[in-house]
Protein backbone atom coordinates (compact mmCIF):
# COMPACT_ATOMS: atom_id res chain seq x y z
CA MET A 1 0.00 0.13 0.09
CA ALA A 2 1.51 3.51 -0.59
CA PRO A 3 2.01 5.43 2.21
CA SER A 4 1.11 9.27 3.32
CA PHE A 5 4.29 11.21 2.75
CA ASP A 6 2.52 13.16 5.27
CA ASN A 7 2.64 10.62 7.62
CA GLY A 8 5.76 9.88 9.39
CA LYS A 9 5.07 6.36 10.83
CA SER A 10 3.33 5.34 7.27
CA LEU A 11 6.32 6.52 5.51
CA PHE A 12 9.15 4.37 7.89
CA ASP A 13 6.93 1.45 7.68
CA PHE A 14 6.86 1.55 3.95
CA VAL A 15 10.86 2.45 3.40
CA VAL A 16 12.58 0.85 5.65
CA ARG A 17 10.62 -2.24 7.32
CA ASP A 18 8.41 -3.03 3.97
CA GLY A 19 11.42 -2.61 2.27
CA ASN A 20 11.19 -0.48 0.02
CA GLY A 21 13.52 2.48 0.30
CA VAL A 22 13.79 5.82 -1.23
CA LYS A 23 13.75 4.30 -4.44
CA GLY A 24 10.30 3.19 -3.43
CA ILE A 25 8.25 6.64 -2.64
CA VAL A 26 10.54 8.26 -5.72
CA ASP A 27 8.36 5.54 -7.83
CA LEU A 28 5.40 6.72 -6.51
CA GLY A 29 6.00 10.07 -8.09
CA LEU A 30 7.15 12.97 -5.76
CA SER A 31 6.61 16.29 -6.11
CA LYS A 32 8.29 18.10 -2.97
CA VAL A 33 10.58 16.05 -0.23
CA PRO A 34 8.45 14.32 2.82
CA GLN A 35 9.20 16.40 6.28
CA ALA A 36 11.22 12.99 7.54
CA TYR A 37 14.06 13.77 4.90
CA ILE A 38 14.18 17.86 5.37
CA GLN A 39 17.45 17.84 7.31
CA PRO A 40 17.50 20.96 10.25
CA PRO A 41 18.98 24.03 8.24
CA GLU A 42 22.72 23.83 9.63
CA GLU A 43 23.10 19.89 7.71
CA GLN A 44 21.85 21.14 4.59
CA ILE A 45 24.44 21.32 1.55
CA ASP A 46 24.78 24.75 0.03
CA LYS A 47 26.60 23.86 -3.24
CA GLU A 48 26.93 27.22 -4.59
CA ASN A 49 29.48 28.23 -2.02
CA ALA A 50 31.68 24.91 -1.52
CA SER A 51 34.64 25.10 -3.71
CA LYS A 52 36.27 22.07 -5.67
CA HIS A 53 38.73 19.92 -4.75
CA GLY A 54 41.78 20.67 -7.77
CA GLN A 55 44.28 18.96 -6.74
CA PRO A 56 45.59 16.22 -9.60
CA PRO A 57 44.57 12.51 -8.82
CA ILE A 58 48.19 10.66 -7.80
CA ASP A 59 49.23 8.69 -10.52
CA LEU A 60 50.08 5.55 -8.31
CA SER A 61 52.12 3.88 -11.58
CA ARG A 62 55.24 6.55 -10.74
CA LEU A 63 55.81 4.07 -7.05
CA ASP A 64 57.29 1.68 -9.31
CA GLY A 65 60.07 4.21 -10.67
CA PRO A 66 61.99 7.31 -10.03
CA ASP A 67 59.05 9.40 -8.60
CA HIS A 68 58.64 6.93 -5.54
CA ASP A 69 59.74 9.03 -3.02
CA GLU A 70 57.31 12.31 -4.61
CA VAL A 71 54.59 10.16 -5.17
CA VAL A 72 55.12 9.26 -1.23
CA LYS A 73 55.27 13.04 -0.34
CA GLU A 74 51.77 13.75 -2.63
CA ILE A 75 50.07 10.36 -0.31
CA VAL A 76 51.24 11.49 3.02
CA ARG A 77 50.58 14.99 2.44
CA ALA A 78 47.03 14.61 1.43
CA SER A 79 46.45 12.21 4.19
CA GLU A 80 47.56 14.20 7.08
CA THR A 81 45.48 17.39 5.38
CA LEU A 82 41.87 16.28 4.22
CA GLY A 83 42.43 12.41 4.47
CA PHE A 84 41.40 12.15 1.15
CA PHE A 85 42.60 12.09 -2.35
CA GLN A 86 42.20 10.24 -5.84
CA VAL A 87 43.81 7.85 -7.36
CA VAL A 88 44.36 6.57 -11.47
CA ASN A 89 46.80 3.92 -12.47
CA HIS A 90 45.34 1.89 -9.32
CA GLY A 91 45.50 -1.82 -11.19
CA VAL A 92 41.78 -1.43 -11.66
CA PRO A 93 40.45 -1.73 -15.07
CA VAL A 94 38.69 1.40 -15.95
CA ASP A 95 36.40 -1.21 -18.04
CA LEU A 96 35.43 -3.15 -14.94
CA LEU A 97 34.50 0.47 -12.72
CA GLU A 98 32.39 0.87 -15.85
CA SER A 99 30.46 -2.16 -15.35
CA LEU A 100 30.45 -2.30 -11.44
CA LYS A 101 28.19 1.25 -12.48
CA ASP A 102 26.10 -0.66 -14.73
CA ALA A 103 25.65 -3.46 -12.08
CA ALA A 104 24.37 -1.62 -9.23
CA HIS A 105 21.86 0.57 -11.21
CA THR A 106 20.77 -3.14 -12.29
CA PHE A 107 20.26 -4.13 -9.14
CA PHE A 108 18.68 -0.99 -7.56
CA GLY A 109 16.27 -0.99 -10.49
CA GLN A 110 14.75 -4.53 -9.70
CA PRO A 111 10.92 -4.12 -7.55
CA PRO A 112 11.38 -3.83 -3.71
CA GLU A 113 10.81 -7.48 -3.41
CA ARG A 114 13.80 -8.54 -5.38
CA LYS A 115 15.49 -6.32 -2.86
CA SER A 116 13.90 -6.46 0.11
CA VAL A 117 14.69 -9.79 0.61
CA TYR A 118 17.99 -9.11 1.50
CA ARG A 119 16.77 -7.20 4.43
CA LYS A 120 19.04 -7.58 7.52
CA GLU A 121 15.64 -9.11 9.89
CA VAL A 122 15.18 -11.39 6.73
CA SER A 123 18.28 -11.94 4.80
CA PRO A 124 19.14 -15.25 3.76
CA THR A 125 22.70 -14.72 4.55
CA PRO A 126 24.66 -12.72 7.24
CA LEU A 127 27.20 -11.61 4.86
CA VAL A 128 24.47 -9.08 2.64
CA ARG A 129 22.29 -6.95 3.59
CA TYR A 130 19.97 -4.41 2.50
CA GLY A 131 18.65 -0.85 3.98
CA THR A 132 17.97 2.56 3.25
CA SER A 133 19.54 5.77 5.33
CA PHE A 134 22.49 5.11 7.82
CA VAL A 135 20.52 4.74 11.48
CA PRO A 136 17.09 5.15 10.22
CA GLU A 137 15.33 4.17 13.84
CA LYS A 138 17.82 6.84 15.57
CA GLU A 139 17.92 9.23 13.35
CA LYS A 140 16.00 12.71 13.55
CA ALA A 141 15.92 13.10 9.57
CA LEU A 142 16.70 10.43 6.58
CA GLU A 143 18.92 9.84 4.96
CA TRP A 144 18.39 9.57 0.80
CA LYS A 145 19.82 6.69 -0.02
CA ASP A 146 19.52 3.01 -0.31
CA TYR A 147 22.44 0.39 -0.15
CA ILE A 148 23.67 -2.94 -0.51
CA SER A 149 26.29 -4.58 1.61
CA MET A 150 28.22 -7.36 1.31
CA VAL A 151 30.46 -9.07 3.44
CA TYR A 152 33.69 -10.47 1.52
CA THR A 153 34.97 -13.96 3.46
CA ASN A 154 36.18 -15.57 0.70
CA ASP A 155 35.43 -16.27 -2.97
CA ALA A 156 32.88 -19.03 -2.66
CA GLU A 157 30.99 -17.77 -0.35
CA ALA A 158 30.71 -14.00 -1.83
CA LEU A 159 29.80 -16.00 -5.22
CA GLU A 160 27.54 -18.37 -3.75
CA HIS A 161 25.89 -15.20 -1.31
CA TRP A 162 25.98 -12.18 -3.00
CA PRO A 163 22.98 -10.82 -4.79
CA VAL A 164 23.40 -12.48 -8.70
CA GLU A 165 22.80 -8.86 -10.32
CA CYS A 166 26.78 -7.75 -9.17
CA ARG A 167 28.60 -10.83 -7.43
CA GLU A 168 30.84 -11.30 -9.96
CA VAL A 169 32.00 -7.68 -10.71
CA ALA A 170 31.65 -6.73 -7.28
CA LEU A 171 34.00 -9.75 -6.44
CA GLU A 172 36.40 -8.60 -9.01
CA TYR A 173 37.04 -4.84 -7.92
CA LEU A 174 37.43 -6.42 -4.15
CA LYS A 175 40.23 -8.47 -5.46
CA THR A 176 41.82 -6.28 -8.04
CA SER A 177 42.23 -3.08 -5.74
CA LEU A 178 44.22 -5.19 -2.61
CA GLU A 179 46.97 -4.80 -4.15
CA MET A 180 46.48 -0.76 -4.10
CA VAL A 181 45.45 -0.30 -0.85
CA LYS A 182 48.64 -3.07 0.92
CA LYS A 183 50.48 -0.94 -1.45
CA LEU A 184 49.12 2.65 0.26
CA LEU A 185 49.03 1.27 4.11
CA HIS A 186 53.09 0.14 3.60
CA VAL A 187 53.69 3.56 2.17
CA LEU A 188 51.48 5.15 5.11
CA THR A 189 53.14 3.07 8.28
CA GLU A 190 56.77 3.40 6.76
CA ASN A 191 56.30 6.76 6.29
CA LEU A 192 55.42 6.52 10.31
CA GLY A 193 58.87 4.96 10.70
CA VAL A 194 57.19 1.22 11.00
CA LYS A 195 58.29 -1.12 9.10
CA LEU A 196 54.92 -3.61 8.80
CA ASP A 197 55.24 -6.99 6.94
CA ASP A 198 52.59 -8.53 5.40
CA SER A 199 50.73 -10.58 7.95
CA LYS A 200 50.48 -7.27 10.32
CA ILE A 201 48.81 -5.52 7.08
CA ASP A 202 46.48 -8.21 6.25
CA ALA A 203 45.33 -7.60 9.60
CA LEU A 204 44.99 -4.09 9.57
CA ILE A 205 42.43 -4.91 6.21
CA GLY A 206 41.25 -8.69 8.20
CA ARG A 207 37.68 -8.01 7.04
CA LYS A 208 36.65 -6.49 3.54
CA THR A 209 32.92 -5.46 2.59
CA VAL A 210 31.58 -4.00 -0.95
CA ASN A 211 28.98 -1.84 -0.81
CA MET A 212 26.69 0.01 -3.37
CA ASN A 213 24.74 3.05 -2.44
CA PHE A 214 21.96 3.90 -4.68
CA TYR A 215 21.10 8.17 -4.79
CA PRO A 216 17.67 8.64 -5.93
CA THR A 217 16.58 11.21 -7.70
CA CYS A 218 15.81 14.37 -5.55
CA PRO A 219 12.60 17.40 -5.54
CA ASN A 220 14.89 19.22 -3.91
CA PRO A 221 18.23 18.58 -3.14
CA ASP A 222 18.98 21.60 -0.90
CA LEU A 223 16.99 20.22 1.57
CA THR A 224 18.56 16.60 1.47
CA VAL A 225 21.65 14.60 2.12
CA GLY A 226 22.32 11.68 0.98
CA VAL A 227 24.85 11.09 3.68
CA GLY A 228 25.19 12.76 6.65
CA ARG A 229 28.36 13.82 8.26
CA HIS A 230 30.48 11.40 9.21
CA SER A 231 33.95 9.57 8.92
CA ASP A 232 34.45 5.92 8.13
CA PHE A 233 35.53 4.01 10.94
CA GLY A 234 37.88 1.35 9.01
CA THR A 235 41.15 1.14 7.83
CA LEU A 236 41.11 2.59 4.40
CA THR A 237 38.33 3.02 2.02
CA VAL A 238 38.25 2.64 -2.00
CA LEU A 239 35.51 4.68 -3.66
CA LEU A 240 34.12 4.52 -7.10
CA GLN A 241 31.97 7.80 -7.61
CA ASP A 242 29.76 7.23 -10.72
CA GLY A 243 29.74 11.18 -13.17
CA ILE A 244 27.42 12.69 -11.67
CA GLY A 245 29.54 13.63 -8.28
CA GLY A 246 28.47 15.41 -5.01
CA LEU A 247 31.02 14.01 -2.30
CA TYR A 248 31.87 16.76 -0.20
CA VAL A 249 35.28 16.78 2.25
CA ASN A 250 35.77 19.07 5.60
CA ILE A 251 38.76 20.68 5.62
CA PRO A 252 39.65 19.50 9.14
CA GLU A 253 42.87 22.80 9.21
CA ASP A 254 43.70 25.62 7.70
CA THR A 255 45.31 24.39 4.77
CA ASP A 256 45.73 26.06 0.75
CA ILE A 257 42.71 23.76 0.10
CA GLY A 258 40.86 25.70 2.18
CA LYS A 259 39.63 27.11 5.75
CA ARG A 260 39.07 25.31 8.50
CA GLY A 261 35.52 23.72 8.56
CA ASP A 262 34.97 24.68 4.82
CA TRP A 263 33.14 22.05 2.25
CA VAL A 264 35.12 21.07 -1.01
CA GLU A 265 33.65 18.71 -3.34
CA ILE A 266 35.90 15.91 -4.74
CA PRO A 267 34.55 16.31 -8.14
CA PRO A 268 34.75 12.83 -10.41
CA ILE A 269 37.46 12.33 -12.30
CA HIS A 270 36.57 9.31 -15.21
CA GLY A 271 38.63 6.01 -14.31
CA ALA A 272 40.22 7.51 -11.05
CA LEU A 273 39.25 6.44 -7.53
CA VAL A 274 38.50 7.66 -4.69
CA ILE A 275 40.88 7.18 -0.88
CA ASN A 276 39.92 8.19 2.19
CA ILE A 277 41.42 8.14 5.58
CA GLY A 278 39.35 5.76 8.06
CA ASP A 279 39.58 6.37 11.84
CA MET A 280 41.59 3.39 12.57
CA LEU A 281 44.46 4.50 10.71
CA GLN A 282 44.05 8.07 12.41
CA ILE A 283 44.72 5.88 15.72
CA LEU A 284 47.22 3.69 14.52
CA SER A 285 49.03 7.20 13.26
CA ASN A 286 48.02 8.44 17.05
CA GLY A 287 46.40 11.40 14.94
CA ARG A 288 48.83 12.45 12.17
CA TYR A 289 46.60 11.03 9.26
CA LYS A 290 42.94 12.49 9.82
CA SER A 291 40.12 10.23 9.05
CA ALA A 292 38.34 12.54 6.63
CA GLU A 293 34.78 13.78 7.84
CA HIS A 294 32.07 14.00 4.44
CA ARG A 295 28.99 14.09 3.29
CA VAL A 296 27.32 13.64 -0.20
CA ARG A 297 24.43 15.95 -1.58
CA THR A 298 21.89 14.37 -3.50
CA THR A 299 20.64 15.48 -7.15
CA SER A 300 17.73 16.17 -8.85
CA THR A 301 18.97 15.67 -12.46
CA LYS A 302 20.03 11.78 -12.82
CA SER A 303 19.93 8.95 -10.28
CA ARG A 304 23.46 8.27 -8.58
CA VAL A 305 25.65 5.33 -7.45
CA SER A 306 28.67 4.96 -5.90
CA ILE A 307 30.61 1.96 -4.72
CA PRO A 308 32.79 1.84 -1.90
CA ILE A 309 35.04 -0.96 -0.50
CA PHE A 310 35.54 -0.64 3.13
CA THR A 311 38.52 -2.46 4.45
CA ILE A 312 38.55 -2.53 8.19
CA PRO A 313 40.63 -5.28 11.01
CA LYS A 314 38.62 -7.84 12.49
CA PRO A 315 36.28 -7.65 14.87
CA THR A 316 38.72 -9.17 17.65
CA GLU A 317 41.48 -7.25 16.89
CA LYS A 318 42.61 -4.51 19.42
CA ILE A 319 43.33 -1.57 17.99
CA ALA A 320 46.04 1.32 20.09
CA PRO A 321 48.39 3.72 18.30
CA LEU A 322 51.42 2.42 16.52
CA PRO A 323 53.85 1.90 19.95
CA GLN A 324 56.86 3.64 17.85
CA VAL A 325 54.39 6.72 17.02
CA VAL A 326 53.48 7.69 20.61
CA GLU A 327 57.23 7.29 21.54
CA LYS A 328 58.09 9.63 19.05
CA ASP A 329 55.33 11.91 20.52
CA GLY A 330 55.39 11.31 23.68
CA VAL A 331 51.98 11.01 24.29
CA ALA A 332 48.92 8.42 23.08
CA ARG A 333 45.95 10.23 22.02
CA TYR A 334 43.98 7.12 22.34
CA ARG A 335 43.35 4.28 24.28
CA GLU A 336 43.65 0.65 23.63
CA PHE A 337 40.22 -0.72 22.58
CA VAL A 338 38.53 -4.05 20.76
CA LEU A 339 37.95 -3.16 17.42
CA GLY A 340 34.17 -4.62 17.70
CA ASP A 341 33.07 -2.15 20.74
CA TYR A 342 34.44 0.38 18.34
CA MET A 343 32.11 -0.91 15.80
CA ASN A 344 28.83 -1.13 18.25
CA ASN A 345 29.33 2.38 19.33
CA TYR A 346 29.97 3.59 15.59
CA PHE A 347 26.71 1.30 14.18
CA GLY A 348 24.25 2.77 17.10
CA ASN A 349 24.30 6.45 16.33
CA PRO A 350 23.58 8.75 13.59
CA HIS A 351 25.92 9.91 11.96
CA GLU A 352 27.65 13.16 13.53
CA GLY A 353 30.61 14.39 11.96
CA LYS A 354 33.68 12.78 13.39
CA LYS A 355 31.97 12.01 16.99
CA SER A 356 32.76 8.56 17.27
CA LEU A 357 36.38 9.04 17.46
CA ASP A 358 35.65 10.14 20.89
CA PHE A 359 35.16 6.42 22.07
CA ALA A 360 38.67 6.25 21.73
CA ARG A 361 39.81 9.43 22.72
CA ILE A 362 42.20 10.22 25.93
CA ASN A 363 40.76 13.12 27.09
CA SER A 364 43.70 14.82 28.36
CA ALA A 365 45.67 14.17 24.83
């Protein structure tokens, strides 16, 4: 049954509980944004006043040549300032990236009943979850996004349990990205004066998830957000944007990019992948690297997709600043914790900037 757009409970049940998602209400025909999706003014994204990030993408093929040191500097500088950078020649075939976007549109273009079988309450597998917004039960305003989340355990289980519409291409995307992720982590940890062997690097990315995000067209993008202000909680995120754009990053300190607190748009570059630092890397580096606070704007012209890979330690892993970095800094800025506890806190609260880091922060630091 179609919901009343003005009745919060009716809308919530239709979108969240029945699994129709935002796409479900958009497909019914919308002339205005329902009240449940209107963000408070301070959370709305002012597109006109945001600058565009003009830094060229980092060419990762140069890491293996005479320009190695220069490329390391570019990676480190981006990680210490914005926490975001784009890369090309990353080892993931560009035609695979195009196939990924097509697969995402195919999955979300299905009737609601084909997607809602993966809702948390009914999914036939704990490896796949379909949902909408972030923590809809706790949010003051819902986010204008539907998603499918696919946890990787091994190839066989991915090919058995991930949705047939996207399983092969999503798995290939993950597998071809991992070499780049490991290379970047070696660069970033060695810059801290820490040489980690492959088993330690593998422990930092012991759990891997591929998400596909779908942002349907919105009648009034100025009132909504696709994703609210947050940082990713993991180690490194790899993100494929489509050509529409809408990703905004908050500038943590005054730099030549802009002033502290300003929002800068990360424009899509064909064939490039976006890399962003997660909370775990900020903690491991004792605050040297910055997990990027970011958010996503909706659009009125065309539905948008984005496809992140989240690489995180296993939930049982103990996390703390690297001892060599603490020794150099003279103080630990974060306490040791078990990652699963951090995850429970992160996923138990609505998006609120980088507040998730307070869970581990030592107050006197």
